């Protein structure tokens, strides 16, 4: 008798994975997602080692908007200890976007500024 799954990786244990994520504090999930958004935005701004090779300002704008929404919405929930560095990173990305743009957005119209208000250097 042959096993139909022979040579294939075992199926994921979704019950265990669900229990594992339930043990992760919300602040950790929120900050992890924010860091991923920041990293992806930085790459799309051309700030990675490869620089302009991955530069895509349209993608960067979307990621910065998502990050701004997340940071703004969660700031009161995760405390200023966690929110302050996220806000700083967000502002840095917003300023980098403005610098990378050939035609910069008007103050208050840049990525994420509908959530954060105008960003100035």
PDB file of N, CA and C in Angstrom:
ATOM      1  N   UNK A   1       0.842  -1.169   0.000  1.00  0.00           N
ATOM      2  CA  UNK A   1       0.000   0.000   0.000  1.00  0.00           C
ATOM      3  C   UNK A   1       0.890   1.236   0.000  1.00  0.00           C
ATOM      4  N   UNK A   2       0.643   2.191  -0.923  1.00  0.00           N
ATOM      5  CA  UNK A   2       1.476   3.387  -1.000  1.00  0.00           C
ATOM      6  C   UNK A   2       0.771   4.576  -0.350  1.00  0.00           C
ATOM      7  N   UNK A   3       1.575   5.457   0.182  1.00  0.00           N
ATOM      8  CA  UNK A   3       1.062   6.651   0.833  1.00  0.00           C
ATOM      9  C   UNK A   3       0.917   7.749  -0.224  1.00  0.00           C
ATOM     10  N   UNK A   4      -0.271   8.328  -0.378  1.00  0.00           N
ATOM     11  CA  UNK A   4      -0.535   9.347  -1.404  1.00  0.00           C
ATOM     12  C   UNK A   4       0.274  10.615  -1.158  1.00  0.00           C
ATOM     13  N   UNK A   5       0.697  10.867   0.076  1.00  0.00           N
ATOM     14  CA  UNK A   5       1.438  12.082   0.405  1.00  0.00           C
ATOM     15  C   UNK A   5       2.939  11.844   0.517  1.00  0.00           C
ATOM     16  N   UNK A   6       3.399  10.690   0.095  1.00  0.00           N
ATOM     17  CA  UNK A   6       4.827  10.368   0.200  1.00  0.00           C
ATOM     18  C   UNK A   6       5.650  11.380  -0.587  1.00  0.00           C
ATOM     19  N   UNK A   7       6.690  11.885   0.033  1.00  0.00           N
ATOM     20  CA  UNK A   7       7.592  12.829  -0.610  1.00  0.00           C
ATOM     21  C   UNK A   7       7.115  14.274  -0.562  1.00  0.00           C
ATOM     22  N   UNK A   8       5.922  14.518  -0.023  1.00  0.00           N
ATOM     23  CA  UNK A   8       5.401  15.881   0.085  1.00  0.00           C
ATOM     24  C   UNK A   8       5.583  16.377   1.516  1.00  0.00           C
ATOM     25  N   UNK A   9       5.785  17.682   1.671  1.00  0.00           N
ATOM     26  CA  UNK A   9       5.917  18.208   3.039  1.00  0.00           C
ATOM     27  C   UNK A   9       4.607  18.040   3.800  1.00  0.00           C
ATOM     28  N   UNK A  10       4.697  17.890   5.109  1.00  0.00           N
ATOM     29  CA  UNK A  10       3.465  17.721   5.897  1.00  0.00           C
ATOM     30  C   UNK A  10       2.606  18.989   5.831  1.00  0.00           C
ATOM     31  N   UNK A  11       1.308  18.799   5.944  1.00  0.00           N
ATOM     32  CA  UNK A  11       0.380  19.936   5.935  1.00  0.00           C
ATOM     33  C   UNK A  11       0.624  20.801   7.171  1.00  0.00           C
ATOM     34  N   UNK A  12       0.461  22.114   7.039  1.00  0.00           N
ATOM     35  CA  UNK A  12       0.656  22.984   8.203  1.00  0.00           C
ATOM     36  C   UNK A  12      -0.354  22.660   9.303  1.00  0.00           C
ATOM     37  N   UNK A  13       0.075  22.824  10.517  1.00  0.00           N
ATOM     38  CA  UNK A  13      -0.798  22.593  11.671  1.00  0.00           C
ATOM     39  C   UNK A  13      -1.482  23.918  12.007  1.00  0.00           C
ATOM     40  N   UNK A  14      -2.613  24.175  11.355  1.00  0.00           N
ATOM     41  CA  UNK A  14      -3.299  25.452  11.517  1.00  0.00           C
ATOM     42  C   UNK A  14      -3.816  25.664  12.933  1.00  0.00           C
ATOM     43  N   UNK A  15      -4.184  24.599  13.624  1.00  0.00           N
ATOM     44  CA  UNK A  15      -4.636  24.739  15.009  1.00  0.00           C
ATOM     45  C   UNK A  15      -3.506  25.282  15.880  1.00  0.00           C
ATOM     46  N   UNK A  16      -2.297  24.734  15.712  1.00  0.00           N
ATOM     47  CA  UNK A  16      -1.149  25.204  16.491  1.00  0.00           C
ATOM     48  C   UNK A  16      -0.809  26.642  16.128  1.00  0.00           C
ATOM     49  N   UNK A  17      -0.859  26.960  14.830  1.00  0.00           N
ATOM     50  CA  UNK A  17      -0.534  28.306  14.391  1.00  0.00           C
ATOM     51  C   UNK A  17      -1.527  29.321  14.953  1.00  0.00           C
ATOM     52  N   UNK A  18      -2.792  28.966  15.012  1.00  0.00           N
ATOM     53  CA  UNK A  18      -3.811  29.852  15.567  1.00  0.00           C
ATOM     54  C   UNK A  18      -3.557  30.081  17.052  1.00  0.00           C
ATOM     55  N   UNK A  19      -3.219  29.029  17.771  1.00  0.00           N
ATOM     56  CA  UNK A  19      -2.908  29.178  19.188  1.00  0.00           C
ATOM     57  C   UNK A  19      -1.677  30.050  19.371  1.00  0.00           C
ATOM     58  N   UNK A  20      -0.668  29.882  18.527  1.00  0.00           N
ATOM     59  CA  UNK A  20       0.557  30.669  18.655  1.00  0.00           C
ATOM     60  C   UNK A  20       0.295  32.151  18.449  1.00  0.00           C
ATOM     61  N   UNK A  21      -0.479  32.524  17.434  1.00  0.00           N
ATOM     62  CA  UNK A  21      -0.720  33.935  17.173  1.00  0.00           C
ATOM     63  C   UNK A  21      -1.609  34.541  18.250  1.00  0.00           C
ATOM     64  N   UNK A  22      -2.447  33.720  18.869  1.00  0.00           N
ATOM     65  CA  UNK A  22      -3.293  34.219  19.956  1.00  0.00           C
ATOM     66  C   UNK A  22      -2.457  34.618  21.165  1.00  0.00           C
ATOM     67  N   UNK A  23      -1.254  34.072  21.278  1.00  0.00           N
ATOM     68  CA  UNK A  23      -0.382  34.377  22.404  1.00  0.00           C
ATOM     69  C   UNK A  23       0.461  35.634  22.179  1.00  0.00           C
ATOM     70  N   UNK A  24       0.444  36.179  20.972  1.00  0.00           N
ATOM     71  CA  UNK A  24       1.253  37.352  20.667  1.00  0.00           C
ATOM     72  C   UNK A  24       0.468  38.603  21.058  1.00  0.00           C
ATOM     73  N   UNK A  25       1.064  39.477  21.880  1.00  0.00           N
ATOM     74  CA  UNK A  25       0.366  40.707  22.280  1.00  0.00           C
ATOM     75  C   UNK A  25       0.076  41.598  21.065  1.00  0.00           C
ATOM     76  N   UNK A  26      -1.054  42.291  21.106  1.00  0.00           N
ATOM     77  CA  UNK A  26      -1.472  43.158  19.999  1.00  0.00           C
ATOM     78  C   UNK A  26      -0.400  44.188  19.658  1.00  0.00           C
ATOM     79  N   UNK A  27       0.252  44.758  20.655  1.00  0.00           N
ATOM     80  CA  UNK A  27       1.273  45.770  20.386  1.00  0.00           C
ATOM     81  C   UNK A  27       2.405  45.196  19.541  1.00  0.00           C
ATOM     82  N   UNK A  28       2.731  43.940  19.758  1.00  0.00           N
ATOM     83  CA  UNK A  28       3.790  43.303  18.974  1.00  0.00           C
ATOM     84  C   UNK A  28       3.347  43.078  17.527  1.00  0.00           C
ATOM     85  N   UNK A  29       2.099  42.674  17.342  1.00  0.00           N
ATOM     86  CA  UNK A  29       1.580  42.480  15.983  1.00  0.00           C
ATOM     87  C   UNK A  29       1.562  43.819  15.248  1.00  0.00           C
ATOM     88  N   UNK A  30       1.061  44.864  15.901  1.00  0.00           N
ATOM     89  CA  UNK A  30       0.964  46.186  15.280  1.00  0.00           C
ATOM     90  C   UNK A  30       2.340  46.724  14.919  1.00  0.00           C
ATOM     91  N   UNK A  31       3.294  46.643  15.837  1.00  0.00           N
ATOM     92  CA  UNK A  31       4.625  47.176  15.540  1.00  0.00           C
ATOM     93  C   UNK A  31       5.331  46.354  14.466  1.00  0.00           C
ATOM     94  N   UNK A  32       5.113  45.054  14.448  1.00  0.00           N
ATOM     95  CA  UNK A  32       5.726  44.217  13.417  1.00  0.00           C
ATOM     96  C   UNK A  32       5.186  44.587  12.033  1.00  0.00           C
ATOM     97  N   UNK A  33       3.885  44.752  11.932  1.00  0.00           N
ATOM     98  CA  UNK A  33       3.286  45.148  10.650  1.00  0.00           C
ATOM     99  C   UNK A  33       3.814  46.526  10.239  1.00  0.00           C
ATOM    100  N   UNK A  34       3.908  47.450  11.192  1.00  0.00           N
ATOM    101  CA  UNK A  34       4.403  48.792  10.889  1.00  0.00           C
ATOM    102  C   UNK A  34       5.840  48.745  10.370  1.00  0.00           C
ATOM    103  N   UNK A  35       6.673  47.936  10.983  1.00  0.00           N
ATOM    104  CA  UNK A  35       8.066  47.817  10.550  1.00  0.00           C
ATOM    105  C   UNK A  35       8.137  47.233   9.140  1.00  0.00           C
ATOM    106  N   UNK A  36       7.292  46.262   8.836  1.00  0.00           N
ATOM    107  CA  UNK A  36       7.260  45.698   7.474  1.00  0.00           C
ATOM    108  C   UNK A  36       6.840  46.765   6.459  1.00  0.00           C
ATOM    109  N   UNK A  37       5.825  47.562   6.800  1.00  0.00           N
ATOM    110  CA  UNK A  37       5.393  48.638   5.910  1.00  0.00           C
ATOM    111  C   UNK A  37       6.512  49.663   5.718  1.00  0.00           C
ATOM    112  N   UNK A  38       7.202  50.003   6.804  1.00  0.00           N
ATOM    113  CA  UNK A  38       8.319  50.953   6.713  1.00  0.00           C
ATOM    114  C   UNK A  38       9.424  50.426   5.809  1.00  0.00           C
ATOM    115  N   UNK A  39       9.766  49.182   5.995  1.00  0.00           N
ATOM    116  CA  UNK A  39      10.842  48.578   5.201  1.00  0.00           C
ATOM    117  C   UNK A  39      10.482  48.556   3.722  1.00  0.00           C
ATOM    118  N   UNK A  40       9.263  48.144   3.422  1.00  0.00           N
ATOM    119  CA  UNK A  40       8.828  48.089   2.028  1.00  0.00           C
ATOM    120  C   UNK A  40       8.784  49.485   1.418  1.00  0.00           C
ATOM    121  N   UNK A  41       8.321  50.470   2.172  1.00  0.00           N
ATOM    122  CA  UNK A  41       8.281  51.846   1.669  1.00  0.00           C
ATOM    123  C   UNK A  41       9.695  52.363   1.409  1.00  0.00           C
ATOM    124  N   UNK A  42      10.607  52.083   2.307  1.00  0.00           N
ATOM    125  CA  UNK A  42      11.998  52.535   2.135  1.00  0.00           C
ATOM    126  C   UNK A  42      12.609  51.942   0.868  1.00  0.00           C
ATOM    127  N   UNK A  43      12.357  50.674   0.613  1.00  0.00           N
ATOM    128  CA  UNK A  43      12.871  50.033  -0.600  1.00  0.00           C
ATOM    129  C   UNK A  43      12.281  50.719  -1.830  1.00  0.00           C
ATOM    130  N   UNK A  44      10.973  50.992  -1.797  1.00  0.00           N
ATOM    131  CA  UNK A  44      10.314  51.621  -2.939  1.00  0.00           C
ATOM    132  C   UNK A  44      10.675  53.101  -3.096  1.00  0.00           C
ATOM    133  N   UNK A  45      11.258  53.692  -2.076  1.00  0.00           N
ATOM    134  CA  UNK A  45      11.776  55.057  -2.189  1.00  0.00           C
ATOM    135  C   UNK A  45      13.201  55.071  -2.727  1.00  0.00           C
ATOM    136  N   UNK A  46      13.778  53.894  -2.924  1.00  0.00           N
ATOM    137  CA  UNK A  46      15.145  53.799  -3.426  1.00  0.00           C
ATOM    138  C   UNK A  46      16.180  53.933  -2.334  1.00  0.00           C
ATOM    139  N   UNK A  47      15.787  53.691  -1.077  1.00  0.00           N
ATOM    140  CA  UNK A  47      16.703  53.850   0.056  1.00  0.00           C
ATOM    141  C   UNK A  47      17.454  52.571   0.410  1.00  0.00           C
ATOM    142  N   UNK A  48      17.168  51.484  -0.290  1.00  0.00           N
ATOM    143  CA  UNK A  48      17.868  50.221  -0.036  1.00  0.00           C
ATOM    144  C   UNK A  48      19.239  50.254  -0.696  1.00  0.00           C
ATOM    145  N   UNK A  49      20.050  49.257  -0.420  1.00  0.00           N
ATOM    146  CA  UNK A  49      21.402  49.184  -0.989  1.00  0.00           C
ATOM    147  C   UNK A  49      21.389  49.272  -2.509  1.00  0.00           C
ATOM    148  N   UNK A  50      20.391  48.631  -3.129  1.00  0.00           N
ATOM    149  CA  UNK A  50      20.314  48.635  -4.588  1.00  0.00           C
ATOM    150  C   UNK A  50      19.847  49.977  -5.124  1.00  0.00           C
ATOM    151  N   UNK A  51      19.368  50.860  -4.239  1.00  0.00           N
ATOM    152  CA  UNK A  51      18.958  52.205  -4.607  1.00  0.00           C
ATOM    153  C   UNK A  51      17.867  52.266  -5.654  1.00  0.00           C
ATOM    154  N   UNK A  52      18.141  52.979  -6.719  1.00  0.00           N
ATOM    155  CA  UNK A  52      17.113  53.251  -7.726  1.00  0.00           C
ATOM    156  C   UNK A  52      16.559  52.010  -8.434  1.00  0.00           C
ATOM    157  N   UNK A  53      17.234  50.906  -8.334  1.00  0.00           N
ATOM    158  CA  UNK A  53      16.791  49.682  -9.004  1.00  0.00           C
ATOM    159  C   UNK A  53      15.352  49.313  -8.617  1.00  0.00           C
ATOM    160  N   UNK A  54      14.960  49.560  -7.371  1.00  0.00           N
ATOM    161  CA  UNK A  54      13.629  49.185  -6.886  1.00  0.00           C
ATOM    162  C   UNK A  54      12.731  50.391  -6.651  1.00  0.00           C
ATOM    163  N   UNK A  55      13.156  51.563  -7.072  1.00  0.00           N
ATOM    164  CA  UNK A  55      12.404  52.788  -6.802  1.00  0.00           C
ATOM    165  C   UNK A  55      11.067  52.775  -7.548  1.00  0.00           C
ATOM    166  N   UNK A  56       9.998  52.962  -6.785  1.00  0.00           N
ATOM    167  CA  UNK A  56       8.647  53.002  -7.342  1.00  0.00           C
ATOM    168  C   UNK A  56       7.823  53.881  -6.399  1.00  0.00           C
ATOM    169  N   UNK A  57       7.706  55.163  -6.752  1.00  0.00           N
ATOM    170  CA  UNK A  57       7.046  56.112  -5.858  1.00  0.00           C
ATOM    171  C   UNK A  57       5.553  55.843  -5.708  1.00  0.00           C
ATOM    172  N   UNK A  58       4.913  55.269  -6.721  1.00  0.00           N
ATOM    173  CA  UNK A  58       3.495  54.932  -6.600  1.00  0.00           C
ATOM    174  C   UNK A  58       3.303  53.875  -5.510  1.00  0.00           C
ATOM    175  N   UNK A  59       4.142  52.857  -5.530  1.00  0.00           N
ATOM    176  CA  UNK A  59       4.075  51.819  -4.489  1.00  0.00           C
ATOM    177  C   UNK A  59       4.435  52.403  -3.121  1.00  0.00           C
ATOM    178  N   UNK A  60       5.452  53.248  -3.076  1.00  0.00           N
ATOM    179  CA  UNK A  60       5.859  53.871  -1.809  1.00  0.00           C
ATOM    180  C   UNK A  60       4.712  54.692  -1.226  1.00  0.00           C
ATOM    181  N   UNK A  61       4.011  55.435  -2.071  1.00  0.00           N
ATOM    182  CA  UNK A  61       2.877  56.248  -1.600  1.00  0.00           C
ATOM    183  C   UNK A  61       1.823  55.364  -0.938  1.00  0.00           C
ATOM    184  N   UNK A  62       1.491  54.249  -1.559  1.00  0.00           N
ATOM    185  CA  UNK A  62       0.482  53.340  -0.999  1.00  0.00           C
ATOM    186  C   UNK A  62       0.919  52.802   0.353  1.00  0.00           C
ATOM    187  N   UNK A  63       2.171  52.412   0.441  1.00  0.00           N
ATOM    188  CA  UNK A  63       2.685  51.853   1.701  1.00  0.00           C
ATOM    189  C   UNK A  63       2.732  52.906   2.803  1.00  0.00           C
ATOM    190  N   UNK A  64       3.137  54.119   2.464  1.00  0.00           N
ATOM    191  CA  UNK A  64       3.195  55.188   3.463  1.00  0.00           C
ATOM    192  C   UNK A  64       1.788  55.551   3.923  1.00  0.00           C
ATOM    193  N   UNK A  65       0.823  55.585   3.012  1.00  0.00           N
ATOM    194  CA  UNK A  65      -0.570  55.839   3.404  1.00  0.00           C
ATOM    195  C   UNK A  65      -1.062  54.776   4.377  1.00  0.00           C
ATOM    196  N   UNK A  66      -0.777  53.516   4.078  1.00  0.00           N
ATOM    197  CA  UNK A  66      -1.201  52.423   4.960  1.00  0.00           C
ATOM    198  C   UNK A  66      -0.525  52.538   6.322  1.00  0.00           C
ATOM    199  N   UNK A  67       0.760  52.848   6.310  1.00  0.00           N
ATOM    200  CA  UNK A  67       1.502  53.011   7.562  1.00  0.00           C
ATOM    201  C   UNK A  67       0.930  54.155   8.387  1.00  0.00           C
ATOM    202  N   UNK A  68       0.651  55.288   7.738  1.00  0.00           N
ATOM    203  CA  UNK A  68       0.107  56.442   8.453  1.00  0.00           C
ATOM    204  C   UNK A  68      -1.242  56.110   9.082  1.00  0.00           C
ATOM    205  N   UNK A  69      -2.077  55.391   8.339  1.00  0.00           N
ATOM    206  CA  UNK A  69      -3.368  54.994   8.899  1.00  0.00           C
ATOM    207  C   UNK A  69      -3.214  54.086  10.099  1.00  0.00           C
ATOM    208  N   UNK A  70      -2.320  53.116   9.985  1.00  0.00           N
ATOM    209  CA  UNK A  70      -2.085  52.178  11.084  1.00  0.00           C
ATOM    210  C   UNK A  70      -1.530  52.895  12.315  1.00  0.00           C
ATOM    211  N   UNK A  71      -0.524  53.717  12.114  1.00  0.00           N
ATOM    212  CA  UNK A  71       0.114  54.412  13.243  1.00  0.00           C
ATOM    213  C   UNK A  71      -0.878  55.365  13.906  1.00  0.00           C
ATOM    214  N   UNK A  72      -1.606  56.107  13.108  1.00  0.00           N
ATOM    215  CA  UNK A  72      -2.568  57.066  13.656  1.00  0.00           C
ATOM    216  C   UNK A  72      -3.676  56.364  14.426  1.00  0.00           C
ATOM    217  N   UNK A  73      -4.202  55.295  13.854  1.00  0.00           N
ATOM    218  CA  UNK A  73      -5.311  54.582  14.486  1.00  0.00           C
ATOM    219  C   UNK A  73      -4.890  53.840  15.745  1.00  0.00           C
ATOM    220  N   UNK A  74      -3.657  53.359  15.781  1.00  0.00           N
ATOM    221  CA  UNK A  74      -3.241  52.512  16.901  1.00  0.00           C
ATOM    222  C   UNK A  74      -2.457  53.259  17.975  1.00  0.00           C
ATOM    223  N   UNK A  75      -2.091  54.493  17.728  1.00  0.00           N
ATOM    224  CA  UNK A  75      -1.212  55.218  18.656  1.00  0.00           C
ATOM    225  C   UNK A  75      -1.736  55.244  20.091  1.00  0.00           C
ATOM    226  N   UNK A  76      -3.017  55.473  20.260  1.00  0.00           N
ATOM    227  CA  UNK A  76      -3.555  55.531  21.624  1.00  0.00           C
ATOM    228  C   UNK A  76      -3.645  54.152  22.268  1.00  0.00           C
ATOM    229  N   UNK A  77      -3.639  53.112  21.443  1.00  0.00           N
ATOM    230  CA  UNK A  77      -3.753  51.757  21.952  1.00  0.00           C
ATOM    231  C   UNK A  77      -2.410  51.150  22.362  1.00  0.00           C
ATOM    232  N   UNK A  78      -1.328  51.600  21.753  1.00  0.00           N
ATOM    233  CA  UNK A  78      -0.036  50.939  21.979  1.00  0.00           C
ATOM    234  C   UNK A  78       0.912  51.753  22.857  1.00  0.00           C
ATOM    235  N   UNK A  79       0.500  52.881  23.334  1.00  0.00           N
ATOM    236  CA  UNK A  79       1.252  53.774  24.216  1.00  0.00           C
ATOM    237  C   UNK A  79       2.306  54.561  23.449  1.00  0.00           C
ATOM    238  N   UNK A  80       2.673  55.685  23.989  1.00  0.00           N
ATOM    239  CA  UNK A  80       3.645  56.557  23.313  1.00  0.00           C
ATOM    240  C   UNK A  80       5.023  55.907  23.252  1.00  0.00           C
ATOM    241  N   UNK A  81       5.322  55.004  24.178  1.00  0.00           N
ATOM    242  CA  UNK A  81       6.603  54.292  24.153  1.00  0.00           C
ATOM    243  C   UNK A  81       6.796  53.567  22.832  1.00  0.00           C
ATOM    244  N   UNK A  82       5.734  52.953  22.325  1.00  0.00           N
ATOM    245  CA  UNK A  82       5.801  52.223  21.060  1.00  0.00           C
ATOM    246  C   UNK A  82       5.447  53.119  19.873  1.00  0.00           C
ATOM    247  N   UNK A  83       4.525  54.057  20.076  1.00  0.00           N
ATOM    248  CA  UNK A  83       4.044  54.885  18.968  1.00  0.00           C
ATOM    249  C   UNK A  83       5.071  55.934  18.535  1.00  0.00           C
ATOM    250  N   UNK A  84       5.822  56.488  19.450  1.00  0.00           N
ATOM    251  CA  UNK A  84       6.754  57.572  19.099  1.00  0.00           C
ATOM    252  C   UNK A  84       7.781  57.159  18.036  1.00  0.00           C
ATOM    253  N   UNK A  85       8.451  56.019  18.178  1.00  0.00           N
ATOM    254  CA  UNK A  85       9.399  55.637  17.123  1.00  0.00           C
ATOM    255  C   UNK A  85       8.714  55.352  15.783  1.00  0.00           C
ATOM    256  N   UNK A  86       7.480  54.849  15.836  1.00  0.00           N
ATOM    257  CA  UNK A  86       6.753  54.608  14.595  1.00  0.00           C
ATOM    258  C   UNK A  86       6.417  55.928  13.911  1.00  0.00           C
ATOM    259  N   UNK A  87       6.018  56.914  14.708  1.00  0.00           N
ATOM    260  CA  UNK A  87       5.740  58.245  14.149  1.00  0.00           C
ATOM    261  C   UNK A  87       6.999  58.860  13.541  1.00  0.00           C
ATOM    262  N   UNK A  88       8.119  58.710  14.231  1.00  0.00           N
ATOM    263  CA  UNK A  88       9.389  59.240  13.711  1.00  0.00           C
ATOM    264  C   UNK A  88       9.761  58.588  12.385  1.00  0.00           C
ATOM    265  N   UNK A  89       9.623  57.264  12.319  1.00  0.00           N
ATOM    266  CA  UNK A  89       9.918  56.552  11.081  1.00  0.00           C
ATOM    267  C   UNK A  89       8.987  56.964   9.958  1.00  0.00           C
ATOM    268  N   UNK A  90       7.723  57.132  10.283  1.00  0.00           N
ATOM    269  CA  UNK A  90       6.742  57.571   9.299  1.00  0.00           C
ATOM    270  C   UNK A  90       7.109  58.952   8.763  1.00  0.00           C
ATOM    271  N   UNK A  91       7.437  59.868   9.646  1.00  0.00           N
ATOM    272  CA  UNK A  91       7.798  61.228   9.217  1.00  0.00           C
ATOM    273  C   UNK A  91       9.039  61.194   8.320  1.00  0.00           C
ATOM    274  N   UNK A  92      10.005  60.381   8.678  1.00  0.00           N
ATOM    275  CA  UNK A  92      11.215  60.265   7.852  1.00  0.00           C
ATOM    276  C   UNK A  92      10.878  59.770   6.447  1.00  0.00           C
ATOM    277  N   UNK A  93       9.979  58.793   6.359  1.00  0.00           N
ATOM    278  CA  UNK A  93       9.573  58.275   5.056  1.00  0.00           C
ATOM    279  C   UNK A  93       8.800  59.328   4.266  1.00  0.00           C
ATOM    280  N   UNK A  94       7.946  60.080   4.948  1.00  0.00           N
ATOM    281  CA  UNK A  94       7.195  61.130   4.269  1.00  0.00           C
ATOM    282  C   UNK A  94       8.139  62.199   3.707  1.00  0.00           C
ATOM    283  N   UNK A  95       9.143  62.573   4.485  1.00  0.00           N
ATOM    284  CA  UNK A  95      10.119  63.566   4.010  1.00  0.00           C
ATOM    285  C   UNK A  95      10.963  63.002   2.879  1.00  0.00           C
ATOM    286  N   UNK A  96      11.336  61.734   2.972  1.00  0.00           N
ATOM    287  CA  UNK A  96      12.111  61.102   1.900  1.00  0.00           C
ATOM    288  C   UNK A  96      11.296  61.024   0.617  1.00  0.00           C
ATOM    289  N   UNK A  97      10.003  60.782   0.753  1.00  0.00           N
ATOM    290  CA  UNK A  97       9.130  60.752  -0.422  1.00  0.00           C
ATOM    291  C   UNK A  97       9.115  62.122  -1.086  1.00  0.00           C
ATOM    292  N   UNK A  98       8.953  63.153  -0.282  1.00  0.00           N
ATOM    293  CA  UNK A  98       8.924  64.517  -0.831  1.00  0.00           C
ATOM    294  C   UNK A  98      10.230  64.827  -1.560  1.00  0.00           C
ATOM    295  N   UNK A  99      11.346  64.414  -0.974  1.00  0.00           N
ATOM    296  CA  UNK A  99      12.659  64.656  -1.579  1.00  0.00           C
ATOM    297  C   UNK A  99      12.839  63.863  -2.871  1.00  0.00           C
ATOM    298  N   UNK A 100      12.283  62.654  -2.923  1.00  0.00           N
ATOM    299  CA  UNK A 100      12.449  61.794  -4.092  1.00  0.00           C
ATOM    300  C   UNK A 100      11.523  62.178  -5.246  1.00  0.00           C
ATOM    301  N   UNK A 101      10.491  62.939  -4.955  1.00  0.00           N
ATOM    302  CA  UNK A 101       9.522  63.309  -5.982  1.00  0.00           C
ATOM    303  C   UNK A 101      10.061  64.401  -6.883  1.00  0.00           C
ATOM    304  N   UNK A 102       9.855  64.224  -8.177  1.00  0.00           N
ATOM    305  CA  UNK A 102      10.255  65.249  -9.141  1.00  0.00           C
ATOM    306  C   UNK A 102       9.399  66.495  -8.949  1.00  0.00           C
ATOM    307  N   UNK A 103       8.101  66.283  -8.742  1.00  0.00           N
ATOM    308  CA  UNK A 103       7.174  67.379  -8.460  1.00  0.00           C
ATOM    309  C   UNK A 103       6.570  67.086  -7.088  1.00  0.00           C
ATOM    310  N   UNK A 104       7.124  67.706  -6.040  1.00  0.00           N
ATOM    311  CA  UNK A 104       6.632  67.409  -4.684  1.00  0.00           C
ATOM    312  C   UNK A 104       5.163  67.794  -4.498  1.00  0.00           C
ATOM    313  N   UNK A 105       4.466  67.022  -3.674  1.00  0.00           N
ATOM    314  CA  UNK A 105       3.077  67.315  -3.336  1.00  0.00           C
ATOM    315  C   UNK A 105       3.022  68.602  -2.522  1.00  0.00           C
ATOM    316  N   UNK A 106       1.895  69.272  -2.586  1.00  0.00           N
ATOM    317  CA  UNK A 106       1.660  70.434  -1.733  1.00  0.00           C
ATOM    318  C   UNK A 106       1.620  69.968  -0.273  1.00  0.00           C
ATOM    319  N   UNK A 107       2.022  70.815   0.666  1.00  0.00           N
ATOM    320  CA  UNK A 107       1.923  70.427   2.082  1.00  0.00           C
ATOM    321  C   UNK A 107       0.494  69.983   2.418  1.00  0.00           C
ATOM    322  N   UNK A 108       0.400  68.847   3.071  1.00  0.00           N
ATOM    323  CA  UNK A 108      -0.888  68.267   3.429  1.00  0.00           C
ATOM    324  C   UNK A 108      -1.425  67.300   2.390  1.00  0.00           C
ATOM    325  N   UNK A 109      -0.788  67.230   1.211  1.00  0.00           N
ATOM    326  CA  UNK A 109      -1.256  66.355   0.142  1.00  0.00           C
ATOM    327  C   UNK A 109      -0.344  65.157  -0.088  1.00  0.00           C
ATOM    328  N   UNK A 110       0.763  65.084   0.641  1.00  0.00           N
ATOM    329  CA  UNK A 110       1.711  63.984   0.480  1.00  0.00           C
ATOM    330  C   UNK A 110       1.170  62.697   1.061  1.00  0.00           C
ATOM    331  N   UNK A 111       1.894  61.607   0.858  1.00  0.00           N
ATOM    332  CA  UNK A 111       1.418  60.314   1.360  1.00  0.00           C
ATOM    333  C   UNK A 111       1.271  60.308   2.877  1.00  0.00           C
ATOM    334  N   UNK A 112       0.112  59.886   3.320  1.00  0.00           N
ATOM    335  CA  UNK A 112      -0.161  59.761   4.745  1.00  0.00           C
ATOM    336  C   UNK A 112      -0.544  61.055   5.438  1.00  0.00           C
ATOM    337  N   UNK A 113      -0.423  62.181   4.728  1.00  0.00           N
ATOM    338  CA  UNK A 113      -0.676  63.468   5.383  1.00  0.00           C
ATOM    339  C   UNK A 113      -2.151  63.708   5.671  1.00  0.00           C
ATOM    340  N   UNK A 114      -3.041  62.947   5.038  1.00  0.00           N
ATOM    341  CA  UNK A 114      -4.458  63.074   5.405  1.00  0.00           C
ATOM    342  C   UNK A 114      -4.686  62.511   6.811  1.00  0.00           C
ATOM    343  N   UNK A 115      -3.752  61.673   7.290  1.00  0.00           N
ATOM    344  CA  UNK A 115      -3.838  61.129   8.644  1.00  0.00           C
ATOM    345  C   UNK A 115      -2.979  61.910   9.636  1.00  0.00           C
ATOM    346  N   UNK A 116      -1.822  62.391   9.181  1.00  0.00           N
ATOM    347  CA  UNK A 116      -0.867  63.022  10.094  1.00  0.00           C
ATOM    348  C   UNK A 116      -0.889  64.531  10.054  1.00  0.00           C
ATOM    349  N   UNK A 117      -1.487  65.104   9.038  1.00  0.00           N
ATOM    350  CA  UNK A 117      -1.393  66.537   8.811  1.00  0.00           C
ATOM    351  C   UNK A 117      -0.109  66.811   8.021  1.00  0.00           C
ATOM    352  N   UNK A 118       0.087  68.053   7.614  1.00  0.00           N
ATOM    353  CA  UNK A 118       1.268  68.401   6.819  1.00  0.00           C
ATOM    354  C   UNK A 118       2.580  68.063   7.540  1.00  0.00           C
ATOM    355  N   UNK A 119       3.543  67.596   6.779  1.00  0.00           N
ATOM    356  CA  UNK A 119       4.849  67.229   7.325  1.00  0.00           C
ATOM    357  C   UNK A 119       5.875  68.194   6.767  1.00  0.00           C
ATOM    358  N   UNK A 120       6.632  68.788   7.655  1.00  0.00           N
ATOM    359  CA  UNK A 120       7.689  69.711   7.270  1.00  0.00           C
ATOM    360  C   UNK A 120       9.006  69.225   7.826  1.00  0.00           C
ATOM    361  N   UNK A 121      10.092  69.487   7.094  1.00  0.00           N
ATOM    362  CA  UNK A 121      11.429  69.072   7.525  1.00  0.00           C
ATOM    363  C   UNK A 121      11.873  69.836   8.662  1.00  0.00           C
TER     364      UNK A 121
END
